[in-house]
């Protein structure tokens, strides 16, 4: 099947064998079940394989096997070299970087860091190796446990390892692994990995080409969804031109044309790779071998081989794992390579690494979504209340602004009138200042009580002389005079009030007080 619902991983370490089954769920994988068995020897490992195979494997599973055991790795500093030069340098120093002679180990390298030192571009290279007999031992254990590969992984090192176990490969071979979403092309030269290239083109493109709406000649319209496209691709593959039709009535000749764009794209990319190898390495490819999900699509290998004169065949894994009865075999995907990671060597499905984190993140997202609802409602209410307050404030400020504008206009007009009056006053002739005689007379008429009689009033520019008498009882005369002096002192026109003299007398036996007062005009 080109597309699988379940995916499983088998991780083998020196102490445990772990088996995990997952299935796609939204944008990640959900763990269905996990089995972990402790091991110490190869016999324990074989029994663990048998227990897991009998209890968990189903024919529809596609298994990924990881062997991060006894991998020898070192880090070295090299000057800037090409991949070919690096391989040559590693082989020349095999006793330093590898566990044994180059022909006895499976090895590869990865450039982990590039830097400049002493004005020279250098690179840090991670080199790892594994004895071939250890790899063959692991393959033998798989064969004994009846775990047989169905396709290869998309790792170039995995393809190389598997190819190194196939001595009958031609000297210049191009391995093409057509996976679900990617196609990897690996150039193997005399059993060594020489060049690899990955392109974003896989079996999923074939499925997309089938998801369409078809108008048949008789007038019917057929809509093919994703599930039906997967069924059609599994059942018919790329059919040969004939008069037969599918269940929907689609002729095979028309059905074949739907896959033509994919055949053309993969052929163009293969030609580009062949031309690159020919021009760069001065070698011609002897044979092309196709594996992966693409090799399982009916007639796909044949359709691709029709585009080339070079032999193009399916990579038959059964040559490595011969089996007496095919009916009892399970089909699993086994990459026999190693993840190039200094800290973690593991080829389990990458989604498993993030599965529990994804579950935790989903819970956090749900919790945040639940908590955010009342928060959003509160924020909305606060924003609405703030908007109402701002509207009222804006209305109040608008009224205040209009009132202030009117007051400002009045103030400006008053200032203009003041300035005009000042100009008019400056244009008038100077008039000498006269003492406030009228005000003084009005003041005296207002503050003089009935029993006080003014007999004489002399006014000058700066002084006033007041003479008079107070009539009344002996007790009230002094009081009346004091009150009169106080009123004069509080007047706005007079100051420096001085009582010059006073004398008591009587008129017709009525007590009288005669006084003279001098004042200064302010």
Protein backbone atom coordinates (compact mmCIF):
# COMPACT_ATOMS: atom_id res chain seq x y z
CA UNK A 1 0.00 0.00 0.00
CA UNK A 2 1.35 3.46 -0.83
CA UNK A 3 -0.20 5.09 2.22
CA UNK A 4 -0.32 3.45 5.64
CA UNK A 5 -2.53 4.07 8.63
CA UNK A 6 -0.20 2.54 11.20
CA UNK A 7 3.48 3.04 11.77
CA UNK A 8 5.71 1.13 14.14
CA UNK A 9 9.24 1.37 15.41
CA UNK A 10 11.65 -1.18 16.83
CA UNK A 11 14.57 0.26 18.81
CA UNK A 12 17.42 -2.05 19.77
CA UNK A 13 20.03 -1.00 22.34
CA UNK A 14 22.55 -3.10 24.29
CA UNK A 15 20.07 -3.39 27.19
CA UNK A 16 16.50 -3.13 25.82
CA UNK A 17 14.33 -3.87 22.82
CA UNK A 18 11.48 -1.39 22.53
CA UNK A 19 8.52 -1.66 20.18
CA UNK A 20 6.08 1.21 19.61
CA UNK A 21 2.99 1.41 17.37
CA UNK A 22 1.54 4.77 16.38
CA UNK A 23 -1.12 6.03 14.03
CA UNK A 24 -1.57 9.44 12.41
CA UNK A 25 -3.67 11.87 14.42
CA UNK A 26 -4.20 15.35 13.02
CA UNK A 27 -0.72 16.76 12.53
CA UNK A 28 1.19 14.29 14.68
CA UNK A 29 1.11 10.63 15.80
CA UNK A 30 -0.77 9.02 18.65
CA UNK A 31 0.85 6.11 20.49
CA UNK A 32 -1.33 2.98 20.41
CA UNK A 33 0.83 0.70 22.57
CA UNK A 34 4.42 0.21 23.69
CA UNK A 35 6.40 -2.92 24.57
CA UNK A 36 9.83 -2.80 26.23
CA UNK A 37 11.91 -5.91 27.01
CA UNK A 38 15.27 -6.10 28.78
CA UNK A 39 18.10 -7.98 27.04
CA UNK A 40 21.67 -9.00 27.87
CA UNK A 41 22.73 -11.44 25.16
CA UNK A 42 21.92 -12.15 21.52
CA UNK A 43 19.73 -15.02 22.70
CA UNK A 44 17.69 -12.59 24.80
CA UNK A 45 17.44 -10.34 21.77
CA UNK A 46 16.16 -13.21 19.59
CA UNK A 47 13.54 -14.14 22.20
CA UNK A 48 12.49 -10.49 22.47
CA UNK A 49 12.08 -10.34 18.69
CA UNK A 50 9.94 -13.47 18.77
CA UNK A 51 7.76 -12.19 21.66
CA UNK A 52 7.15 -8.86 19.98
CA UNK A 53 6.55 -10.39 16.54
CA UNK A 54 3.99 -12.88 17.81
CA UNK A 55 2.20 -10.49 20.12
CA UNK A 56 2.16 -7.21 18.25
CA UNK A 57 3.04 -7.42 14.58
CA UNK A 58 0.23 -7.29 12.05
CA UNK A 59 0.78 -7.61 8.27
CA UNK A 60 -0.23 -3.98 7.67
CA UNK A 61 2.47 -2.57 9.95
CA UNK A 62 5.52 -0.92 8.44
CA UNK A 63 8.41 -1.31 10.85
CA UNK A 64 11.38 0.99 11.40
CA UNK A 65 14.32 -0.75 13.09
CA UNK A 66 17.06 1.17 14.88
CA UNK A 67 20.45 -0.27 15.87
CA UNK A 68 22.44 2.30 17.83
CA UNK A 69 24.74 -0.40 19.28
CA UNK A 70 28.54 -0.29 19.46
CA UNK A 71 28.86 2.62 17.09
CA UNK A 72 32.38 3.99 17.14
CA UNK A 73 32.47 7.75 16.61
CA UNK A 74 35.14 10.42 16.73
CA UNK A 75 35.35 14.11 15.96
CA UNK A 76 38.15 15.54 13.86
CA UNK A 77 39.15 18.92 12.45
CA UNK A 78 39.87 19.08 8.72
CA UNK A 79 40.57 21.95 6.34
CA UNK A 80 37.82 22.77 3.86
CA UNK A 81 37.61 19.68 1.65
CA UNK A 82 35.06 18.19 -0.69
CA UNK A 83 33.16 15.05 0.33
CA UNK A 84 35.34 12.95 -1.94
CA UNK A 85 38.54 14.39 -0.44
CA UNK A 86 37.19 13.83 3.08
CA UNK A 87 36.48 10.17 2.33
CA UNK A 88 40.00 9.76 0.99
CA UNK A 89 41.50 11.47 4.06
CA UNK A 90 39.49 9.24 6.42
CA UNK A 91 40.57 6.08 4.59
CA UNK A 92 44.23 7.13 4.71
CA UNK A 93 43.92 7.55 8.51
CA UNK A 94 41.65 4.56 9.14
CA UNK A 95 43.56 3.48 12.25
CA UNK A 96 42.82 6.89 13.78
CA UNK A 97 39.21 7.44 12.75
CA UNK A 98 37.76 3.94 12.12
CA UNK A 99 37.55 0.74 14.14
CA UNK A 100 39.21 -1.37 11.44
CA UNK A 101 40.29 -1.33 7.82
CA UNK A 102 37.88 0.56 5.52
CA UNK A 103 36.84 -2.64 3.73
CA UNK A 104 35.82 -4.26 7.05
CA UNK A 105 33.57 -1.53 8.42
CA UNK A 106 30.51 0.43 7.40
CA UNK A 107 31.30 4.08 8.01
CA UNK A 108 30.23 7.58 7.10
CA UNK A 109 30.76 11.17 8.23
CA UNK A 110 28.89 14.41 8.71
CA UNK A 111 30.23 17.98 8.75
CA UNK A 112 28.84 19.44 11.98
CA UNK A 113 30.48 22.88 12.07
CA UNK A 114 32.48 25.22 9.83
CA UNK A 115 34.71 27.95 11.21
CA UNK A 116 37.72 30.14 10.40
CA UNK A 117 40.94 29.65 12.34
CA UNK A 118 44.24 31.39 11.52
CA UNK A 119 42.63 32.86 8.40
CA UNK A 120 41.85 29.33 7.17
CA UNK A 121 38.41 27.83 6.65
CA UNK A 122 38.12 24.62 8.66
CA UNK A 123 35.36 22.14 9.45
CA UNK A 124 34.56 19.86 12.36
CA UNK A 125 33.64 16.38 11.08
CA UNK A 126 31.74 13.67 13.00
CA UNK A 127 32.94 10.23 11.84
CA UNK A 128 31.20 7.01 12.87
CA UNK A 129 31.72 3.38 11.94
CA UNK A 130 30.42 -0.12 12.70
CA UNK A 131 32.05 -3.47 11.89
CA UNK A 132 30.33 -5.22 9.01
CA UNK A 133 30.25 -8.50 10.94
CA UNK A 134 28.20 -6.73 13.66
CA UNK A 135 25.80 -5.52 10.98
CA UNK A 136 25.60 -9.01 9.46
CA UNK A 137 24.89 -10.43 12.94
CA UNK A 138 21.98 -8.03 13.37
CA UNK A 139 20.65 -8.97 9.92
CA UNK A 140 20.90 -12.63 10.86
CA UNK A 141 18.88 -12.04 14.04
CA UNK A 142 16.18 -10.32 12.00
CA UNK A 143 16.13 -13.21 9.54
CA UNK A 144 15.83 -15.74 12.38
CA UNK A 145 12.93 -13.78 13.89
CA UNK A 146 11.16 -13.74 10.48
CA UNK A 147 11.23 -9.96 10.33
CA UNK A 148 11.68 -9.15 6.65
CA UNK A 149 12.10 -5.75 5.07
CA UNK A 150 9.57 -4.31 2.69
CA UNK A 151 11.19 -1.00 1.78
CA UNK A 152 14.17 1.12 2.73
CA UNK A 153 14.23 4.32 4.71
CA UNK A 154 14.90 7.70 3.15
CA UNK A 155 18.37 7.87 4.77
CA UNK A 156 21.24 7.69 2.29
CA UNK A 157 23.38 5.85 4.83
CA UNK A 158 20.67 3.22 5.20
CA UNK A 159 20.61 2.64 1.45
CA UNK A 160 24.36 2.44 1.40
CA UNK A 161 24.48 -0.10 4.22
CA UNK A 162 21.93 -2.32 2.53
CA UNK A 163 23.70 -2.00 -0.79
CA UNK A 164 27.02 -2.93 0.82
CA UNK A 165 25.41 -6.26 1.78
CA UNK A 166 24.56 -6.91 -1.88
CA UNK A 167 27.82 -7.90 -3.62
CA UNK A 168 26.16 -8.46 -7.00
CA UNK A 169 25.46 -4.75 -7.54
CA UNK A 170 27.23 -3.23 -10.57
CA UNK A 171 30.25 -0.97 -9.89
CA UNK A 172 28.28 2.21 -10.66
CA UNK A 173 24.76 1.92 -9.27
CA UNK A 174 22.05 4.49 -8.69
CA UNK A 175 19.67 3.49 -5.89
CA UNK A 176 16.37 5.39 -6.06
CA UNK A 177 14.12 5.23 -3.00
CA UNK A 178 10.66 6.63 -3.84
CA UNK A 179 9.03 7.28 -0.48
CA UNK A 180 5.66 8.84 0.38
CA UNK A 181 6.78 12.47 0.21
CA UNK A 182 10.42 12.37 -0.91
CA UNK A 183 12.67 10.58 -3.38
CA UNK A 184 16.31 10.02 -2.54
CA UNK A 185 18.88 9.10 -5.18
CA UNK A 186 22.13 7.52 -3.99
CA UNK A 187 25.14 6.99 -6.23
CA UNK A 188 27.13 3.95 -5.05
CA UNK A 189 30.53 3.59 -6.64
CA UNK A 190 32.25 0.28 -6.06
CA UNK A 191 30.34 -0.28 -2.83
CA UNK A 192 30.92 3.20 -1.40
CA UNK A 193 28.54 6.08 -0.95
CA UNK A 194 29.70 8.71 -3.41
CA UNK A 195 26.78 11.11 -3.84
CA UNK A 196 23.18 11.48 -2.61
CA UNK A 197 20.35 13.82 -3.58
CA UNK A 198 16.84 14.28 -2.14
CA UNK A 199 13.90 15.84 -4.00
CA UNK A 200 10.38 16.63 -2.66
CA UNK A 201 8.56 14.19 -4.94
CA UNK A 202 6.92 11.00 -3.73
CA UNK A 203 3.97 8.65 -4.01
CA UNK A 204 1.73 11.31 -2.45
CA UNK A 205 2.04 13.20 -5.76
CA UNK A 206 0.45 10.21 -7.51
CA UNK A 207 -2.44 10.36 -5.04
CA UNK A 208 -2.89 14.10 -5.59
CA UNK A 209 -2.99 13.54 -9.36
CA UNK A 210 -5.90 11.13 -8.84
CA UNK A 211 -7.98 13.44 -6.62
CA UNK A 212 -10.00 15.12 -9.33
CA UNK A 213 -13.39 15.38 -10.99
CA UNK A 214 -13.72 13.45 -14.26
CA UNK A 215 -16.34 13.95 -16.99
CA UNK A 216 -16.87 10.65 -18.80
CA UNK A 217 -17.85 10.50 -22.49
CA UNK A 218 -21.37 9.31 -21.64
CA UNK A 219 -21.97 12.48 -19.66
CA UNK A 220 -21.44 11.15 -16.13
CA UNK A 221 -19.27 13.04 -13.65
CA UNK A 222 -17.03 11.06 -11.27
CA UNK A 223 -15.45 12.63 -8.18
CA UNK A 224 -12.42 10.81 -6.71
CA UNK A 225 -11.56 11.69 -3.11
CA UNK A 226 -8.37 10.87 -1.18
CA UNK A 227 -9.53 7.46 0.12
CA UNK A 228 -10.74 6.32 -3.30
CA UNK A 229 -7.51 7.58 -4.90
CA UNK A 230 -5.51 5.42 -2.47
CA UNK A 231 -7.66 2.38 -3.30
CA UNK A 232 -7.31 2.93 -7.05
CA UNK A 233 -3.54 3.37 -6.82
CA UNK A 234 -3.21 0.22 -4.71
CA UNK A 235 -5.41 -1.88 -6.99
CA UNK A 236 -4.45 -0.69 -10.47
CA UNK A 237 -1.18 1.22 -10.05
CA UNK A 238 -0.33 2.57 -13.50
CA UNK A 239 -2.42 0.30 -15.73
CA UNK A 240 -1.46 -0.74 -19.24
CA UNK A 241 -3.54 0.81 -22.06
CA UNK A 242 -6.55 -1.45 -22.70
CA UNK A 243 -10.32 -1.40 -23.14
CA UNK A 244 -10.91 -2.23 -19.48
CA UNK A 245 -12.37 0.30 -17.05
CA UNK A 246 -12.46 0.87 -13.30
CA UNK A 247 -15.59 0.41 -11.19
CA UNK A 248 -16.48 4.06 -11.91
CA UNK A 249 -16.21 3.45 -15.65
CA UNK A 250 -12.89 5.26 -16.13
CA UNK A 251 -11.00 3.72 -19.11
CA UNK A 252 -7.51 2.46 -18.36
CA UNK A 253 -6.11 4.61 -21.17
CA UNK A 254 -7.52 7.73 -19.47
CA UNK A 255 -6.48 6.49 -16.03
CA UNK A 256 -2.90 6.08 -17.23
CA UNK A 257 -2.69 9.70 -18.41
CA UNK A 258 -3.36 10.95 -14.87
CA UNK A 259 0.02 9.55 -13.78
CA UNK A 260 1.95 10.90 -16.74
CA UNK A 261 3.01 14.16 -14.96
CA UNK A 262 4.63 12.15 -12.15
CA UNK A 263 6.48 9.89 -14.61
CA UNK A 264 7.78 12.94 -16.47
CA UNK A 265 8.90 14.71 -13.26
CA UNK A 266 10.74 11.68 -11.87
CA UNK A 267 12.33 11.00 -15.27
CA UNK A 268 13.54 14.61 -15.55
CA UNK A 269 15.09 14.45 -12.07
CA UNK A 270 16.74 11.10 -12.84
CA UNK A 271 18.20 12.51 -16.07
CA UNK A 272 19.54 15.53 -14.18
CA UNK A 273 21.19 13.21 -11.65
CA UNK A 274 22.68 10.99 -14.35
CA UNK A 275 24.06 14.00 -16.23
CA UNK A 276 25.53 15.42 -13.02
CA UNK A 277 27.26 12.14 -12.15
CA UNK A 278 28.58 11.84 -15.70
CA UNK A 279 29.94 15.40 -15.84
CA UNK A 280 31.23 15.62 -12.25
CA UNK A 281 32.60 12.13 -11.57
CA UNK A 282 33.26 11.12 -15.21
CA UNK A 283 31.37 7.87 -14.68
CA UNK A 284 28.32 6.37 -16.36
CA UNK A 285 25.64 4.60 -14.35
CA UNK A 286 25.47 0.86 -15.07
CA UNK A 287 22.03 0.23 -13.56
CA UNK A 288 19.19 1.95 -11.73
CA UNK A 289 17.43 0.15 -8.87
CA UNK A 290 14.12 1.46 -7.49
CA UNK A 291 12.85 0.68 -4.01
CA UNK A 292 10.51 2.15 -1.40
CA UNK A 293 6.78 2.83 -1.66
CA UNK A 294 7.17 3.62 -5.35
CA UNK A 295 8.44 0.13 -6.10
CA UNK A 296 5.19 -1.30 -4.69
CA UNK A 297 3.00 0.65 -7.14
CA UNK A 298 2.09 -1.64 -10.02
CA UNK A 299 3.91 -0.91 -13.30
CA UNK A 300 5.62 2.21 -11.90
CA UNK A 301 9.11 0.73 -12.26
CA UNK A 302 8.24 -0.47 -15.75
CA UNK A 303 6.89 2.97 -16.72
CA UNK A 304 10.07 4.66 -15.49
CA UNK A 305 12.32 2.10 -17.21
CA UNK A 306 10.65 2.91 -20.56
CA UNK A 307 12.15 6.41 -20.34
CA UNK A 308 15.78 5.18 -20.12
CA UNK A 309 18.16 2.96 -22.03
CA UNK A 310 19.97 2.08 -18.78
CA UNK A 311 18.61 -1.05 -17.05
CA UNK A 312 16.03 0.06 -14.51
CA UNK A 313 14.67 -2.60 -12.15
CA UNK A 314 13.10 -3.01 -8.75
CA UNK A 315 15.60 -3.58 -5.96
CA UNK A 316 14.73 -7.09 -4.81
CA UNK A 317 15.29 -7.31 -1.06
CA UNK A 318 14.62 -11.06 -1.17
CA UNK A 319 18.16 -11.57 -2.46
CA UNK A 320 19.39 -10.52 0.97
CA UNK A 321 16.63 -12.29 2.95
CA UNK A 322 15.64 -15.44 1.04
CA UNK A 323 12.44 -16.99 2.35
CA UNK A 324 10.85 -20.36 1.70
CA UNK A 325 7.23 -19.29 2.14
CA UNK A 326 6.13 -15.78 1.27
CA UNK A 327 2.70 -16.26 2.86
CA UNK A 328 4.08 -16.18 6.41
CA UNK A 329 6.24 -13.11 5.98
CA UNK A 330 5.43 -9.73 7.38
CA UNK A 331 6.36 -6.67 5.37
CA UNK A 332 8.24 -4.10 7.38
CA UNK A 333 10.41 -1.15 6.53
CA UNK A 334 13.90 -1.58 8.00
CA UNK A 335 16.48 1.15 7.51
CA UNK A 336 19.79 -0.50 8.32
CA UNK A 337 21.56 2.80 8.85
CA UNK A 338 22.24 5.10 11.76
CA UNK A 339 20.94 8.55 12.59
CA UNK A 340 23.82 11.01 12.30
CA UNK A 341 23.50 12.67 15.66
CA UNK A 342 26.33 13.05 18.14
CA UNK A 343 24.16 12.98 21.24
CA UNK A 344 21.33 10.66 20.20
CA UNK A 345 21.52 7.79 17.74
CA UNK A 346 17.96 6.63 17.14
CA UNK A 347 15.93 5.82 14.04
CA UNK A 348 12.51 5.50 15.64
CA UNK A 349 9.80 7.50 13.84
CA UNK A 350 10.66 11.13 14.41
CA UNK A 351 7.08 11.86 15.46
CA UNK A 352 7.50 9.62 18.52
CA UNK A 353 10.16 11.96 19.87
CA UNK A 354 7.60 14.73 20.08
CA UNK A 355 4.48 12.67 20.87
CA UNK A 356 4.32 13.26 24.62
CA UNK A 357 5.33 16.87 24.16
CA UNK A 358 2.54 17.24 21.62
CA UNK A 359 0.01 15.73 24.04
CA UNK A 360 1.17 18.10 26.78
CA UNK A 361 1.03 21.07 24.43
CA UNK A 362 -2.48 20.12 23.31
CA UNK A 363 -3.61 20.01 26.96
CA UNK A 364 -2.06 23.41 27.57
CA UNK A 365 -3.78 24.79 24.49
CA UNK A 366 -7.17 23.44 25.60
CA UNK A 367 -6.66 24.82 29.12
CA UNK A 368 -5.65 28.19 27.75
CA UNK A 369 -8.67 28.16 25.45
CA UNK A 370 -11.02 27.46 28.38
CA UNK A 371 -9.36 30.09 30.58
CA UNK A 372 -9.24 32.65 27.81
CA UNK A 373 -13.05 32.75 27.37
CA UNK A 374 -13.85 34.60 30.67
CA UNK A 375 -10.71 36.66 30.23
CA UNK A 376 -11.79 37.73 26.77
CA UNK A 377 -15.30 38.51 28.06
CA UNK A 378 -13.82 40.61 30.89
CA UNK A 379 -11.49 42.38 28.50
CA UNK A 380 -14.38 43.07 26.15
CA UNK A 381 -16.47 44.46 29.03
CA UNK A 382 -13.61 46.65 30.24
CA UNK A 383 -13.00 47.93 26.74
CA UNK A 384 -16.70 48.68 26.28
CA UNK A 385 -16.83 50.51 29.65
CA UNK A 386 -13.68 52.42 28.82
CA UNK A 387 -15.15 53.38 25.47
CA UNK A 388 -18.31 54.72 27.17
CA UNK A 389 -16.24 56.70 29.69
CA UNK A 390 -14.11 58.11 26.91
CA UNK A 391 -17.21 59.13 24.94
CA UNK A 392 -18.64 60.95 27.99
CA UNK A 393 -15.30 62.58 28.67
CA UNK A 394 -15.04 63.64 25.05
CA UNK A 395 -18.53 65.19 25.18
CA UNK A 396 -17.67 67.06 28.40
CA UNK A 397 -14.40 68.32 26.95
CA UNK A 398 -16.21 69.42 23.81
CA UNK A 399 -18.66 71.51 25.89
CA UNK A 400 -15.80 72.95 27.95
CA UNK A 401 -13.92 73.74 24.78
CA UNK A 402 -16.89 75.61 23.32
CA UNK A 403 -17.36 77.60 26.55
CA UNK A 404 -13.65 78.35 26.74
CA UNK A 405 -13.74 79.43 23.12
CA UNK A 406 -16.58 81.92 23.85
CA UNK A 407 -14.75 83.23 26.96
CA UNK A 408 -11.54 83.55 24.97
CA UNK A 409 -13.34 85.55 22.29
CA UNK A 410 -14.81 87.86 24.95
CA UNK A 411 -11.40 88.24 26.56
CA UNK A 412 -9.84 89.09 23.22
CA UNK A 413 -12.53 91.74 22.54
CA UNK A 414 -11.99 93.26 26.02
CA UNK A 415 -8.26 93.41 25.45
CA UNK A 416 -8.86 95.13 22.14
CA UNK A 417 -11.19 97.66 23.84
CA UNK A 418 -8.60 98.28 26.57
CA UNK A 419 -5.91 98.88 23.99
CA UNK A 420 -8.20 101.25 22.09
CA UNK A 421 -9.02 103.18 25.29
CA UNK A 422 -5.34 103.44 26.13
CA UNK A 423 -4.62 104.82 22.70
CA UNK A 424 -7.50 107.27 23.06
CA UNK A 425 -6.29 108.32 26.53
CA UNK A 426 -2.81 108.94 25.20
CA UNK A 427 -4.24 111.19 22.51
CA UNK A 428 -6.00 113.45 25.10
CA UNK A 429 -4.15 116.53 26.51
CA UNK A 430 -2.67 116.36 30.02
CA UNK A 431 -4.99 117.73 32.74
CA UNK A 432 -3.52 118.71 36.11
CA UNK A 433 -4.65 116.62 39.04
CA UNK A 434 -7.10 118.32 41.40
CA UNK A 435 -7.64 117.29 45.01
CA UNK A 436 -10.79 115.24 45.71
CA UNK A 437 -12.72 118.09 47.32
CA UNK A 438 -16.11 116.75 46.30
CA UNK A 439 -15.33 113.39 47.82
CA UNK A 440 -14.17 115.01 51.04
CA UNK A 441 -17.35 117.07 51.32
CA UNK A 442 -19.51 114.01 50.67
CA UNK A 443 -17.52 112.10 53.26
CA UNK A 444 -17.99 114.79 55.91
CA UNK A 445 -21.73 114.97 55.23
CA UNK A 446 -22.00 111.22 55.65
CA UNK A 447 -19.96 110.79 58.81
CA UNK A 448 -21.16 113.89 60.71
CA UNK A 449 -23.71 112.87 63.40
CA UNK A 450 -26.72 115.11 64.23
CA UNK A 451 -25.24 116.41 67.51
CA UNK A 452 -21.96 117.46 65.87
CA UNK A 453 -21.88 120.82 64.15
CA UNK A 454 -19.06 121.88 61.80
CA UNK A 455 -18.36 125.57 62.21
CA UNK A 456 -15.40 126.00 59.89
CA UNK A 457 -13.86 124.05 56.92
CA UNK A 458 -10.67 125.17 55.20
CA UNK A 459 -9.48 123.21 52.11
CA UNK A 460 -6.07 123.56 50.50
CA UNK A 461 -4.08 121.45 48.05
CA UNK A 462 -2.65 119.22 50.76
CA UNK A 463 -4.42 119.98 54.06
CA UNK A 464 -7.90 120.23 55.52
CA UNK A 465 -8.72 122.22 58.69
CA UNK A 466 -11.99 121.23 60.36
CA UNK A 467 -13.53 123.17 63.29
CA UNK A 468 -16.75 122.34 65.09
CA UNK A 469 -18.47 121.42 68.31
CA UNK A 470 -20.26 118.47 69.85
CA UNK A 471 -23.43 118.99 71.89
CA UNK A 472 -24.60 116.48 74.45
CA UNK A 473 -23.97 115.17 77.92
CA UNK A 474 -20.60 115.34 79.57
CA UNK A 475 -20.08 111.63 79.14
CA UNK A 476 -21.05 111.42 75.45
CA UNK A 477 -19.02 114.40 74.19
CA UNK A 478 -15.65 112.66 74.22
CA UNK A 479 -17.19 109.51 72.77
CA UNK A 480 -18.80 111.34 69.85
CA UNK A 481 -15.55 113.15 69.09
CA UNK A 482 -13.57 109.91 69.15
CA UNK A 483 -16.06 108.26 66.77
CA UNK A 484 -15.78 111.19 64.37
CA UNK A 485 -11.96 111.02 64.43
CA UNK A 486 -12.15 107.28 63.74
CA UNK A 487 -14.41 107.80 60.71
CA UNK A 488 -12.02 110.43 59.34
CA UNK A 489 -9.09 108.07 59.75
CA UNK A 490 -10.92 105.35 57.74
CA UNK A 491 -11.73 107.66 54.83
CA UNK A 492 -9.98 107.07 51.46
CA UNK A 493 -9.17 110.75 51.08
CA UNK A 494 -7.61 111.80 54.38
CA UNK A 495 -4.63 110.75 56.45
CA UNK A 496 -2.52 112.02 59.36
CA UNK A 497 -5.56 113.01 61.46
CA UNK A 498 -4.42 115.46 64.19
CA UNK A 499 -6.58 116.93 66.98
CA UNK A 500 -5.16 120.42 67.39
CA UNK A 501 -7.22 121.46 70.44
CA UNK A 502 -10.43 120.88 72.28
CA UNK A 503 -12.27 122.73 75.03
CA UNK A 504 -15.41 122.21 77.11
CA UNK A 505 -18.05 124.88 77.42
CA UNK A 506 -21.83 125.25 77.74
CA UNK A 507 -24.45 127.03 75.79
CA UNK A 508 -27.70 127.75 77.67
CA UNK A 509 -26.47 125.31 80.31
CA UNK A 510 -26.00 122.57 77.62
CA UNK A 511 -22.53 120.96 77.71
CA UNK A 512 -20.49 121.47 74.50
CA UNK A 513 -17.05 120.36 73.24
CA UNK A 514 -15.29 122.67 70.78
CA UNK A 515 -12.48 121.10 68.64
CA UNK A 516 -10.06 121.85 65.80
CA UNK A 517 -8.80 119.00 63.55
CA UNK A 518 -6.09 119.05 60.85
CA UNK A 519 -5.83 116.36 58.12
CA UNK A 520 -3.60 115.68 55.12
CA UNK A 521 -5.12 114.96 51.71
CA UNK A 522 -3.92 111.68 50.19
